[in-house]
PDB file of N, CA and C in Angstrom:
ATOM      1  N   MET A   1      63.434  59.191 122.844  1.00  0.00           N
ATOM      2  CA  MET A   1      62.857  60.772 122.002  1.00  0.00           C
ATOM      3  C   MET A   1      63.563  61.065 122.488  1.00  0.00           C
ATOM      4  N   ALA A   2      64.143  61.350 124.031  1.00  0.00           N
ATOM      5  CA  ALA A   2      64.570  63.508 125.409  1.00  0.00           C
ATOM      6  C   ALA A   2      65.838  63.237 124.450  1.00  0.00           C
ATOM      7  N   ALA A   3      66.576  62.448 123.881  1.00  0.00           N
ATOM      8  CA  ALA A   3      67.885  62.473 123.669  1.00  0.00           C
ATOM      9  C   ALA A   3      67.712  62.794 122.241  1.00  0.00           C
ATOM     10  N   TRP A   4      66.826  62.398 121.268  1.00  0.00           N
ATOM     11  CA  TRP A   4      67.023  62.840 120.212  1.00  0.00           C
ATOM     12  C   TRP A   4      66.424  64.935 120.192  1.00  0.00           C
ATOM     13  N   LYS A   5      65.492  64.155 120.468  1.00  0.00           N
ATOM     14  CA  LYS A   5      65.397  66.159 120.943  1.00  0.00           C
ATOM     15  C   LYS A   5      66.562  67.422 121.598  1.00  0.00           C
ATOM     16  N   SER A   6      66.887  66.413 121.788  1.00  0.00           N
ATOM     17  CA  SER A   6      68.471  67.415 122.804  1.00  0.00           C
ATOM     18  C   SER A   6      69.537  67.507 122.253  1.00  0.00           C
ATOM     19  N   TRP A   7      69.140  66.566 120.489  1.00  0.00           N
ATOM     20  CA  TRP A   7      70.625  66.074 120.049  1.00  0.00           C
ATOM     21  C   TRP A   7      69.984  67.907 118.266  1.00  0.00           C
ATOM     22  N   THR A   8      68.914  67.434 118.186  1.00  0.00           N
ATOM     23  CA  THR A   8      68.333  68.399 117.179  1.00  0.00           C
ATOM     24  C   THR A   8      68.608  69.911 118.116  1.00  0.00           C
ATOM     25  N   ALA A   9      68.134  70.424 119.577  1.00  0.00           N
ATOM     26  CA  ALA A   9      68.723  71.880 120.004  1.00  0.00           C
ATOM     27  C   ALA A   9      69.404  72.003 119.849  1.00  0.00           C
ATOM     28  N   LEU A  10      70.600  71.465 119.698  1.00  0.00           N
ATOM     29  CA  LEU A  10      72.019  71.632 119.984  1.00  0.00           C
ATOM     30  C   LEU A  10      72.795  71.620 118.435  1.00  0.00           C
ATOM     31  N   ARG A  11      71.743  70.617 117.475  1.00  0.00           N
ATOM     32  CA  ARG A  11      72.664  70.649 116.225  1.00  0.00           C
ATOM     33  C   ARG A  11      71.775  72.275 115.826  1.00  0.00           C
ATOM     34  N   LEU A  12      71.054  72.777 116.226  1.00  0.00           N
ATOM     35  CA  LEU A  12      70.173  73.702 116.048  1.00  0.00           C
ATOM     36  C   LEU A  12      70.788  75.649 116.408  1.00  0.00           C
ATOM     37  N   CYS A  13      71.338  75.002 117.387  1.00  0.00           N
ATOM     38  CA  CYS A  13      72.253  76.250 117.997  1.00  0.00           C
ATOM     39  C   CYS A  13      73.218  76.273 117.530  1.00  0.00           C
ATOM     40  N   ALA A  14      74.434  75.456 117.916  1.00  0.00           N
ATOM     41  CA  ALA A  14      75.330  75.496 116.779  1.00  0.00           C
ATOM     42  C   ALA A  14      75.313  76.038 115.235  1.00  0.00           C
ATOM     43  N   THR A  15      73.982  75.671 114.630  1.00  0.00           N
ATOM     44  CA  THR A  15      74.022  76.083 113.094  1.00  0.00           C
ATOM     45  C   THR A  15      73.910  78.186 113.306  1.00  0.00           C
ATOM     46  N   VAL A  16      73.044  77.831 114.024  1.00  0.00           N
ATOM     47  CA  VAL A  16      72.515  79.459 115.200  1.00  0.00           C
ATOM     48  C   VAL A  16      74.074  80.311 114.878  1.00  0.00           C
ATOM     49  N   VAL A  17      74.898  79.972 115.408  1.00  0.00           N
ATOM     50  CA  VAL A  17      76.304  80.281 116.214  1.00  0.00           C
ATOM     51  C   VAL A  17      77.116  80.359 114.830  1.00  0.00           C
ATOM     52  N   VAL A  18      77.538  79.126 114.118  1.00  0.00           N
ATOM     53  CA  VAL A  18      77.564  79.511 112.657  1.00  0.00           C
ATOM     54  C   VAL A  18      77.465  80.717 111.817  1.00  0.00           C
ATOM     55  N   LEU A  19      75.920  80.229 111.704  1.00  0.00           N
ATOM     56  CA  LEU A  19      75.443  81.590 110.969  1.00  0.00           C
ATOM     57  C   LEU A  19      75.660  82.953 111.316  1.00  0.00           C
ATOM     58  N   ASP A  20      76.090  83.780 112.389  1.00  0.00           N
ATOM     59  CA  ASP A  20      76.172  84.422 113.458  1.00  0.00           C
ATOM     60  C   ASP A  20      77.160  85.115 112.782  1.00  0.00           C
ATOM     61  N   MET A  21      78.665  84.086 113.325  1.00  0.00           N
ATOM     62  CA  MET A  21      80.116  84.469 113.133  1.00  0.00           C
ATOM     63  C   MET A  21      80.065  84.745 111.414  1.00  0.00           C
ATOM     64  N   VAL A  22      79.638  84.153 110.618  1.00  0.00           N
ATOM     65  CA  VAL A  22      79.843  83.996 109.322  1.00  0.00           C
ATOM     66  C   VAL A  22      79.139  85.412 109.023  1.00  0.00           C
ATOM     67  N   VAL A  23      77.987  85.933 109.090  1.00  0.00           N
ATOM     68  CA  VAL A  23      77.198  87.084 108.581  1.00  0.00           C
ATOM     69  C   VAL A  23      77.807  87.978 108.895  1.00  0.00           C
ATOM     70  N   CYS A  24      78.659  88.097 110.885  1.00  0.00           N
ATOM     71  CA  CYS A  24      79.114  88.898 111.222  1.00  0.00           C
ATOM     72  C   CYS A  24      80.432  89.682 110.575  1.00  0.00           C
ATOM     73  N   LYS A  25      81.086  88.236 110.103  1.00  0.00           N
ATOM     74  CA  LYS A  25      82.231  88.620 109.663  1.00  0.00           C
ATOM     75  C   LYS A  25      82.441  88.669 108.458  1.00  0.00           C
ATOM     76  N   GLY A  26      80.858  88.538 107.527  1.00  0.00           N
ATOM     77  CA  GLY A  26      81.403  89.768 106.029  1.00  0.00           C
ATOM     78  C   GLY A  26      81.028  90.741 106.044  1.00  0.00           C
ATOM     79  N   PHE A  27      80.750  91.651 107.184  1.00  0.00           N
ATOM     80  CA  PHE A  27      81.180  92.450 106.991  1.00  0.00           C
ATOM     81  C   PHE A  27      82.687  93.627 107.284  1.00  0.00           C
ATOM     82  N   VAL A  28      83.507  92.935 108.214  1.00  0.00           N
ATOM     83  CA  VAL A  28      85.014  93.395 108.296  1.00  0.00           C
ATOM     84  C   VAL A  28      86.068  91.998 107.598  1.00  0.00           C
ATOM     85  N   GLU A  29      86.199  93.393 106.086  1.00  0.00           N
ATOM     86  CA  GLU A  29      87.548  93.023 105.560  1.00  0.00           C
ATOM     87  C   GLU A  29      89.158  92.264 105.833  1.00  0.00           C
ATOM     88  N   ASP A  30      89.046  91.704 105.499  1.00  0.00           N
ATOM     89  CA  ASP A  30      90.507  90.880 105.595  1.00  0.00           C
ATOM     90  C   ASP A  30      91.406  91.662 104.947  1.00  0.00           C
ATOM     91  N   LEU A  31      92.592  92.537 105.466  1.00  0.00           N
ATOM     92  CA  LEU A  31      93.428  93.533 104.152  1.00  0.00           C
ATOM     93  C   LEU A  31      94.772  92.173 104.634  1.00  0.00           C
ATOM     94  N   ASP A  32      95.241  92.955 103.353  1.00  0.00           N
ATOM     95  CA  ASP A  32      96.665  92.429 102.730  1.00  0.00           C
ATOM     96  C   ASP A  32      97.436  93.065 103.160  1.00  0.00           C
ATOM     97  N   GLU A  33      98.814  92.972 102.296  1.00  0.00           N
ATOM     98  CA  GLU A  33      99.899  94.273 101.918  1.00  0.00           C
ATOM     99  C   GLU A  33      99.834  94.813 100.647  1.00  0.00           C
ATOM    100  N   SER A  34      98.430  94.830  99.933  1.00  0.00           N
ATOM    101  CA  SER A  34      97.879  95.534  98.663  1.00  0.00           C
ATOM    102  C   SER A  34      96.650  96.962  98.909  1.00  0.00           C
ATOM    103  N   PHE A  35      96.633  96.446 100.531  1.00  0.00           N
ATOM    104  CA  PHE A  35      95.866  97.837 101.442  1.00  0.00           C
ATOM    105  C   PHE A  35      96.173  98.924 100.730  1.00  0.00           C
ATOM    106  N   LYS A  36      97.392  99.414 100.835  1.00  0.00           N
ATOM    107  CA  LYS A  36      97.590 100.446 101.134  1.00  0.00           C
ATOM    108  C   LYS A  36      98.004 100.773 100.150  1.00  0.00           C
ATOM    109  N   GLU A  37      97.945 100.556  98.261  1.00  0.00           N
ATOM    110  CA  GLU A  37      97.780 100.793  96.839  1.00  0.00           C
ATOM    111  C   GLU A  37      95.921 100.680  96.159  1.00  0.00           C
ATOM    112  N   ASN A  38      95.068 100.084  97.281  1.00  0.00           N
ATOM    113  CA  ASN A  38      94.543  99.846  96.341  1.00  0.00           C
ATOM    114  C   ASN A  38      92.856 100.435  97.148  1.00  0.00           C
ATOM    115  N   ARG A  39      93.289 100.787  98.344  1.00  0.00           N
ATOM    116  CA  ARG A  39      92.233 101.594  99.524  1.00  0.00           C
ATOM    117  C   ARG A  39      91.314 103.148  98.888  1.00  0.00           C
ATOM    118  N   ASN A  40      92.415 103.462  97.878  1.00  0.00           N
ATOM    119  CA  ASN A  40      91.856 105.510  97.221  1.00  0.00           C
ATOM    120  C   ASN A  40      91.269 105.714  97.559  1.00  0.00           C
ATOM    121  N   ASP A  41      90.440 106.307  97.811  1.00  0.00           N
ATOM    122  CA  ASP A  41      90.131 107.362  99.060  1.00  0.00           C
ATOM    123  C   ASP A  41      88.838 106.935 100.036  1.00  0.00           C
ATOM    124  N   ASP A  42      88.757 105.467  99.882  1.00  0.00           N
ATOM    125  CA  ASP A  42      87.446 105.804 101.129  1.00  0.00           C
ATOM    126  C   ASP A  42      87.765 105.866 102.319  1.00  0.00           C
ATOM    127  N   ILE A  43      87.553 105.441 103.818  1.00  0.00           N
ATOM    128  CA  ILE A  43      87.509 106.012 105.169  1.00  0.00           C
ATOM    129  C   ILE A  43      87.290 104.827 105.351  1.00  0.00           C
ATOM    130  N   TRP A  44      88.611 103.855 106.348  1.00  0.00           N
ATOM    131  CA  TRP A  44      88.393 102.809 106.692  1.00  0.00           C
ATOM    132  C   TRP A  44      88.764 102.870 108.395  1.00  0.00           C
ATOM    133  N   LEU A  45      88.075 102.429 108.602  1.00  0.00           N
ATOM    134  CA  LEU A  45      88.303 101.703 110.345  1.00  0.00           C
ATOM    135  C   LEU A  45      89.492 100.464 110.013  1.00  0.00           C
ATOM    136  N   VAL A  46      90.425 100.093 111.039  1.00  0.00           N
ATOM    137  CA  VAL A  46      91.185  98.571 110.490  1.00  0.00           C
ATOM    138  C   VAL A  46      91.969  98.627 112.047  1.00  0.00           C
ATOM    139  N   ASP A  47      91.606  97.248 112.446  1.00  0.00           N
ATOM    140  CA  ASP A  47      91.861  96.963 113.383  1.00  0.00           C
ATOM    141  C   ASP A  47      93.592  96.098 113.207  1.00  0.00           C
ATOM    142  N   PHE A  48      94.360  96.514 113.674  1.00  0.00           N
ATOM    143  CA  PHE A  48      95.666  95.903 113.330  1.00  0.00           C
ATOM    144  C   PHE A  48      95.718  94.741 114.571  1.00  0.00           C
ATOM    145  N   TYR A  49      96.244  93.051 114.184  1.00  0.00           N
ATOM    146  CA  TYR A  49      95.818  92.520 115.704  1.00  0.00           C
ATOM    147  C   TYR A  49      96.712  91.726 115.175  1.00  0.00           C
ATOM    148  N   ALA A  50      97.609  90.688 116.478  1.00  0.00           N
ATOM    149  CA  ALA A  50      98.500  89.228 116.522  1.00  0.00           C
ATOM    150  C   ALA A  50      97.064  88.445 116.955  1.00  0.00           C
ATOM    151  N   PRO A  51      97.724  87.089 116.218  1.00  0.00           N
ATOM    152  CA  PRO A  51      96.819  86.238 116.016  1.00  0.00           C
ATOM    153  C   PRO A  51      97.120  85.433 117.226  1.00  0.00           C
ATOM    154  N   TRP A  52      98.258  85.672 118.384  1.00  0.00           N
ATOM    155  CA  TRP A  52      98.018  85.155 119.226  1.00  0.00           C
ATOM    156  C   TRP A  52      98.146  86.310 120.813  1.00  0.00           C
ATOM    157  N   CYS A  53      97.328  87.371 120.365  1.00  0.00           N
ATOM    158  CA  CYS A  53      96.743  88.162 121.741  1.00  0.00           C
ATOM    159  C   CYS A  53      95.271  88.171 122.529  1.00  0.00           C
ATOM    160  N   GLY A  54      95.095  87.638 123.456  1.00  0.00           N
ATOM    161  CA  GLY A  54      94.381  87.935 124.140  1.00  0.00           C
ATOM    162  C   GLY A  54      93.570  89.121 123.901  1.00  0.00           C
ATOM    163  N   HIS A  55      93.518  89.766 123.702  1.00  0.00           N
ATOM    164  CA  HIS A  55      92.887  91.158 123.666  1.00  0.00           C
ATOM    165  C   HIS A  55      92.868  91.422 122.364  1.00  0.00           C
ATOM    166  N   CYS A  56      92.930  91.193 121.474  1.00  0.00           N
ATOM    167  CA  CYS A  56      93.176  91.320 120.159  1.00  0.00           C
ATOM    168  C   CYS A  56      91.692  89.829 119.683  1.00  0.00           C
ATOM    169  N   LYS A  57      91.746  89.417 120.478  1.00  0.00           N
ATOM    170  CA  LYS A  57      91.907  87.945 120.183  1.00  0.00           C
ATOM    171  C   LYS A  57      89.378  88.185 120.897  1.00  0.00           C
ATOM    172  N   LYS A  58      90.132  89.047 122.527  1.00  0.00           N
ATOM    173  CA  LYS A  58      88.820  89.516 122.962  1.00  0.00           C
ATOM    174  C   LYS A  58      88.297  90.839 121.811  1.00  0.00           C
ATOM    175  N   LEU A  59      88.214  91.457 121.292  1.00  0.00           N
ATOM    176  CA  LEU A  59      88.037  92.839 120.551  1.00  0.00           C
ATOM    177  C   LEU A  59      87.217  91.821 119.635  1.00  0.00           C
ATOM    178  N   GLU A  60      87.872  90.662 118.876  1.00  0.00           N
ATOM    179  CA  GLU A  60      87.279  90.479 117.039  1.00  0.00           C
ATOM    180  C   GLU A  60      85.172  90.247 117.304  1.00  0.00           C
ATOM    181  N   PRO A  61      84.477  89.706 118.011  1.00  0.00           N
ATOM    182  CA  PRO A  61      84.117  90.108 118.427  1.00  0.00           C
ATOM    183  C   PRO A  61      82.269  91.296 117.530  1.00  0.00           C
ATOM    184  N   ILE A  62      83.383  92.090 119.006  1.00  0.00           N
ATOM    185  CA  ILE A  62      83.070  93.423 119.032  1.00  0.00           C
ATOM    186  C   ILE A  62      83.434  94.208 117.943  1.00  0.00           C
ATOM    187  N   TRP A  63      84.141  93.360 117.435  1.00  0.00           N
ATOM    188  CA  TRP A  63      85.139  94.441 116.039  1.00  0.00           C
ATOM    189  C   TRP A  63      84.020  93.790 114.369  1.00  0.00           C
ATOM    190  N   ASN A  64      83.375  92.489 114.839  1.00  0.00           N
ATOM    191  CA  ASN A  64      82.321  92.209 113.948  1.00  0.00           C
ATOM    192  C   ASN A  64      80.966  92.757 114.087  1.00  0.00           C
ATOM    193  N   GLU A  65      80.278  93.081 115.149  1.00  0.00           N
ATOM    194  CA  GLU A  65      79.163  93.994 115.584  1.00  0.00           C
ATOM    195  C   GLU A  65      79.775  95.542 114.648  1.00  0.00           C
ATOM    196  N   VAL A  66      80.991  96.249 115.482  1.00  0.00           N
ATOM    197  CA  VAL A  66      80.730  97.535 114.384  1.00  0.00           C
ATOM    198  C   VAL A  66      80.879  97.250 112.553  1.00  0.00           C
ATOM    199  N   GLY A  67      81.406  96.354 112.255  1.00  0.00           N
ATOM    200  CA  GLY A  67      81.498  96.149 110.758  1.00  0.00           C
ATOM    201  C   GLY A  67      79.691  96.193 110.561  1.00  0.00           C
ATOM    202  N   LEU A  68      78.945  94.943 111.516  1.00  0.00           N
ATOM    203  CA  LEU A  68      78.068  94.760 110.899  1.00  0.00           C
ATOM    204  C   LEU A  68      77.148  95.940 110.570  1.00  0.00           C
ATOM    205  N   GLU A  69      77.220  96.848 111.983  1.00  0.00           N
ATOM    206  CA  GLU A  69      76.526  98.185 111.965  1.00  0.00           C
ATOM    207  C   GLU A  69      77.352 100.031 111.244  1.00  0.00           C
ATOM    208  N   MET A  70      78.235  99.455 110.585  1.00  0.00           N
ATOM    209  CA  MET A  70      78.693 100.531 109.979  1.00  0.00           C
ATOM    210  C   MET A  70      77.684 100.243 108.222  1.00  0.00           C
ATOM    211  N   LYS A  71      77.434  98.996 108.457  1.00  0.00           N
ATOM    212  CA  LYS A  71      77.029  98.424 106.983  1.00  0.00           C
ATOM    213  C   LYS A  71      75.892  98.394 106.877  1.00  0.00           C
ATOM    214  N   SER A  72      75.464  98.251 107.503  1.00  0.00           N
ATOM    215  CA  SER A  72      73.821  98.368 108.400  1.00  0.00           C
ATOM    216  C   SER A  72      73.183 100.025 108.447  1.00  0.00           C
ATOM    217  N   ILE A  73      73.970 100.999 109.138  1.00  0.00           N
ATOM    218  CA  ILE A  73      73.098 101.711 109.031  1.00  0.00           C
ATOM    219  C   ILE A  73      73.579 102.858 107.602  1.00  0.00           C
ATOM    220  N   GLY A  74      74.305 101.584 106.747  1.00  0.00           N
ATOM    221  CA  GLY A  74      74.338 102.626 105.410  1.00  0.00           C
ATOM    222  C   GLY A  74      76.025 104.155 105.026  1.00  0.00           C
ATOM    223  N   SER A  75      76.409 103.431 106.532  1.00  0.00           N
ATOM    224  CA  SER A  75      77.786 103.976 106.761  1.00  0.00           C
ATOM    225  C   SER A  75      78.719 104.181 105.589  1.00  0.00           C
ATOM    226  N   PRO A  76      79.090 105.556 104.866  1.00  0.00           N
ATOM    227  CA  PRO A  76      80.479 104.992 104.432  1.00  0.00           C
ATOM    228  C   PRO A  76      82.056 105.170 104.603  1.00  0.00           C
ATOM    229  N   VAL A  77      81.479 104.364 105.652  1.00  0.00           N
ATOM    230  CA  VAL A  77      82.789 103.963 106.007  1.00  0.00           C
ATOM    231  C   VAL A  77      82.925 102.712 106.261  1.00  0.00           C
ATOM    232  N   LYS A  78      84.148 102.090 105.223  1.00  0.00           N
ATOM    233  CA  LYS A  78      84.491 100.673 105.638  1.00  0.00           C
ATOM    234  C   LYS A  78      84.939  99.906 107.052  1.00  0.00           C
ATOM    235  N   VAL A  79      85.418  98.960 106.938  1.00  0.00           N
ATOM    236  CA  VAL A  79      85.691  98.459 108.478  1.00  0.00           C
ATOM    237  C   VAL A  79      86.335  96.804 107.691  1.00  0.00           C
ATOM    238  N   GLY A  80      87.988  97.208 108.156  1.00  0.00           N
ATOM    239  CA  GLY A  80      88.583  95.886 108.549  1.00  0.00           C
ATOM    240  C   GLY A  80      89.367  95.712 109.055  1.00  0.00           C
ATOM    241  N   LYS A  81      90.863  94.548 108.676  1.00  0.00           N
ATOM    242  CA  LYS A  81      91.288  93.448 109.941  1.00  0.00           C
ATOM    243  C   LYS A  81      92.392  93.690 109.238  1.00  0.00           C
ATOM    244  N   MET A  82      93.591  93.704 110.000  1.00  0.00           N
ATOM    245  CA  MET A  82      94.618  93.331 109.362  1.00  0.00           C
ATOM    246  C   MET A  82      96.544  92.783 110.006  1.00  0.00           C
ATOM    247  N   ASP A  83      96.644  91.150 109.986  1.00  0.00           N
ATOM    248  CA  ASP A  83      97.627  90.667 110.713  1.00  0.00           C
ATOM    249  C   ASP A  83      98.697  91.099 111.217  1.00  0.00           C
ATOM    250  N   ALA A  84      99.224  92.435 112.187  1.00  0.00           N
ATOM    251  CA  ALA A  84     100.184  93.025 111.778  1.00  0.00           C
ATOM    252  C   ALA A  84     101.294  92.015 112.085  1.00  0.00           C
ATOM    253  N   THR A  85     101.261  91.185 112.337  1.00  0.00           N
ATOM    254  CA  THR A  85     101.956  90.210 112.503  1.00  0.00           C
ATOM    255  C   THR A  85     102.976  89.921 110.765  1.00  0.00           C
ATOM    256  N   SER A  86     102.182  89.967 110.279  1.00  0.00           N
ATOM    257  CA  SER A  86     102.821  89.018 108.734  1.00  0.00           C
ATOM    258  C   SER A  86     102.950  90.098 107.828  1.00  0.00           C
ATOM    259  N   TYR A  87     102.493  91.546 108.539  1.00  0.00           N
ATOM    260  CA  TYR A  87     103.288  92.682 107.613  1.00  0.00           C
ATOM    261  C   TYR A  87     103.750  93.416 108.465  1.00  0.00           C
ATOM    262  N   SER A  88     104.733  94.149 107.889  1.00  0.00           N
ATOM    263  CA  SER A  88     105.467  94.761 108.941  1.00  0.00           C
ATOM    264  C   SER A  88     106.810  96.434 108.368  1.00  0.00           C
ATOM    265  N   ASN A  89     105.679  96.301 107.593  1.00  0.00           N
ATOM    266  CA  ASN A  89     105.978  97.658 106.629  1.00  0.00           C
ATOM    267  C   ASN A  89     104.688  98.378 106.322  1.00  0.00           C
TER     268      ASN A  89
END
Protein backbone atom coordinates (compact mmCIF):
# COMPACT_ATOMS: atom_id res chain seq x y z
CA MET A 1 0.00 0.00 0.00
CA ALA A 2 2.79 2.43 0.89
CA ALA A 3 4.60 1.63 -2.34
CA TRP A 4 1.44 2.38 -4.32
CA LYS A 5 1.05 5.77 -2.58
CA SER A 6 4.70 6.59 -3.27
CA TRP A 7 4.31 5.63 -6.92
CA THR A 8 1.14 7.73 -7.25
CA ALA A 9 2.85 10.74 -5.64
CA LEU A 10 5.84 10.36 -7.95
CA ARG A 11 3.60 10.20 -11.03
CA LEU A 12 1.70 13.29 -9.86
CA CYS A 13 4.93 15.25 -9.36
CA ALA A 14 6.21 14.22 -12.79
CA THR A 15 2.94 15.30 -14.38
CA VAL A 16 3.09 18.71 -12.69
CA VAL A 17 6.68 19.25 -13.85
CA VAL A 18 5.87 18.30 -17.44
CA LEU A 19 2.77 20.50 -17.51
CA ASP A 20 4.76 23.42 -16.08
CA MET A 21 7.38 23.04 -18.80
CA VAL A 22 4.78 22.83 -21.56
CA VAL A 23 2.74 25.81 -20.35
CA CYS A 24 5.73 28.09 -19.82
CA LYS A 25 7.38 27.17 -23.12
CA GLY A 26 4.12 27.93 -24.90
CA PHE A 27 4.78 31.66 -24.52
CA VAL A 28 8.30 31.61 -25.96
CA GLU A 29 8.33 31.17 -29.72
CA ASP A 30 11.03 29.10 -31.41
CA LEU A 31 12.29 31.30 -34.23
CA ASP A 32 13.98 30.32 -37.47
CA GLU A 33 15.57 32.03 -40.47
CA SER A 34 12.20 33.39 -41.63
CA PHE A 35 11.92 35.55 -38.50
CA LYS A 36 13.57 38.56 -40.13
CA GLU A 37 11.04 38.62 -42.97
CA ASN A 38 7.96 37.74 -40.89
CA ARG A 39 8.41 39.88 -37.78
CA ASN A 40 6.35 42.82 -39.14
CA ASP A 41 6.45 45.77 -36.74
CA ASP A 42 6.14 43.62 -33.62
CA ILE A 43 8.35 44.26 -30.60
CA TRP A 44 10.45 41.21 -29.68
CA LEU A 45 12.74 40.05 -26.91
CA VAL A 46 14.91 37.34 -28.46
CA ASP A 47 17.28 34.97 -26.71
CA PHE A 48 20.07 33.93 -29.08
CA TYR A 49 21.36 30.72 -27.51
CA ALA A 50 23.67 27.80 -28.18
CA PRO A 51 22.37 24.34 -27.19
CA TRP A 52 25.74 23.34 -25.71
CA CYS A 53 26.13 26.53 -23.60
CA GLY A 54 25.76 26.01 -19.85
CA HIS A 55 24.76 29.63 -19.22
CA CYS A 56 22.11 29.41 -21.95
CA LYS A 57 20.70 26.25 -20.35
CA LYS A 58 20.50 28.00 -16.98
CA LEU A 59 18.68 30.95 -18.58
CA GLU A 60 16.00 28.80 -20.27
CA PRO A 61 13.59 28.45 -17.31
CA ILE A 62 13.94 32.16 -16.55
CA TRP A 63 13.31 33.02 -20.21
CA ASN A 64 10.19 30.86 -20.14
CA GLU A 65 9.00 32.81 -17.09
CA VAL A 66 9.60 36.07 -18.98
CA GLY A 67 7.40 34.79 -21.81
CA LEU A 68 4.70 33.73 -19.38
CA GLU A 69 4.79 37.06 -17.53
CA MET A 70 4.64 39.13 -20.74
CA LYS A 71 1.64 37.11 -21.88
CA SER A 72 -0.13 37.29 -18.51
CA ILE A 73 0.12 41.09 -18.28
CA GLY A 74 -1.12 41.50 -21.84
CA SER A 75 2.13 43.01 -23.09
CA PRO A 76 2.49 43.59 -26.83
CA VAL A 77 6.12 42.44 -26.52
CA LYS A 78 6.65 38.96 -27.93
CA VAL A 79 9.30 36.63 -26.52
CA GLY A 80 11.29 34.28 -28.70
CA LYS A 81 14.44 32.22 -28.84
CA MET A 82 16.76 31.30 -31.68
CA ASP A 83 19.53 28.72 -31.89
CA ALA A 84 22.45 30.97 -32.86
CA THR A 85 24.51 27.98 -33.99
CA SER A 86 21.99 27.09 -36.71
CA TYR A 87 21.61 30.50 -38.31
CA SER A 88 24.85 32.36 -38.86
CA ASN A 89 23.49 35.24 -40.96
